[in-house]
């Protein structure tokens, strides 16, 4: 079992790092990204650990909170695809309603 990280999630991690570095310094930003990305491995081993988002986004979609951030992922056959990593205050639905998602 493994995981893949979509381009949108990588960009989200960069944004989160920058915001945390501005607010609290580089060490805190590094710690934040480490805490979030460590959960990718946990979720790949326990794919159904996160909250089911079938009603919001469709079958196979889940989310998992890490501090002030939410990992949005898609459960594939034996793997998972991390789609976004968003601050909890951000409205997730508009991010997924207009544009097709990267699932390949």
Foldseek 3Di string as FASTA:
>chain_A
DAEAEDPQAVVQLVVQLVVCCVVPRNVRSVVLSVQVVVVRVVCLVVVPPFADCCVQQRPQWGWDDDVQWIFIWGDDDNGIYGFHIGGNVDDCRVVPPPDPGDDD
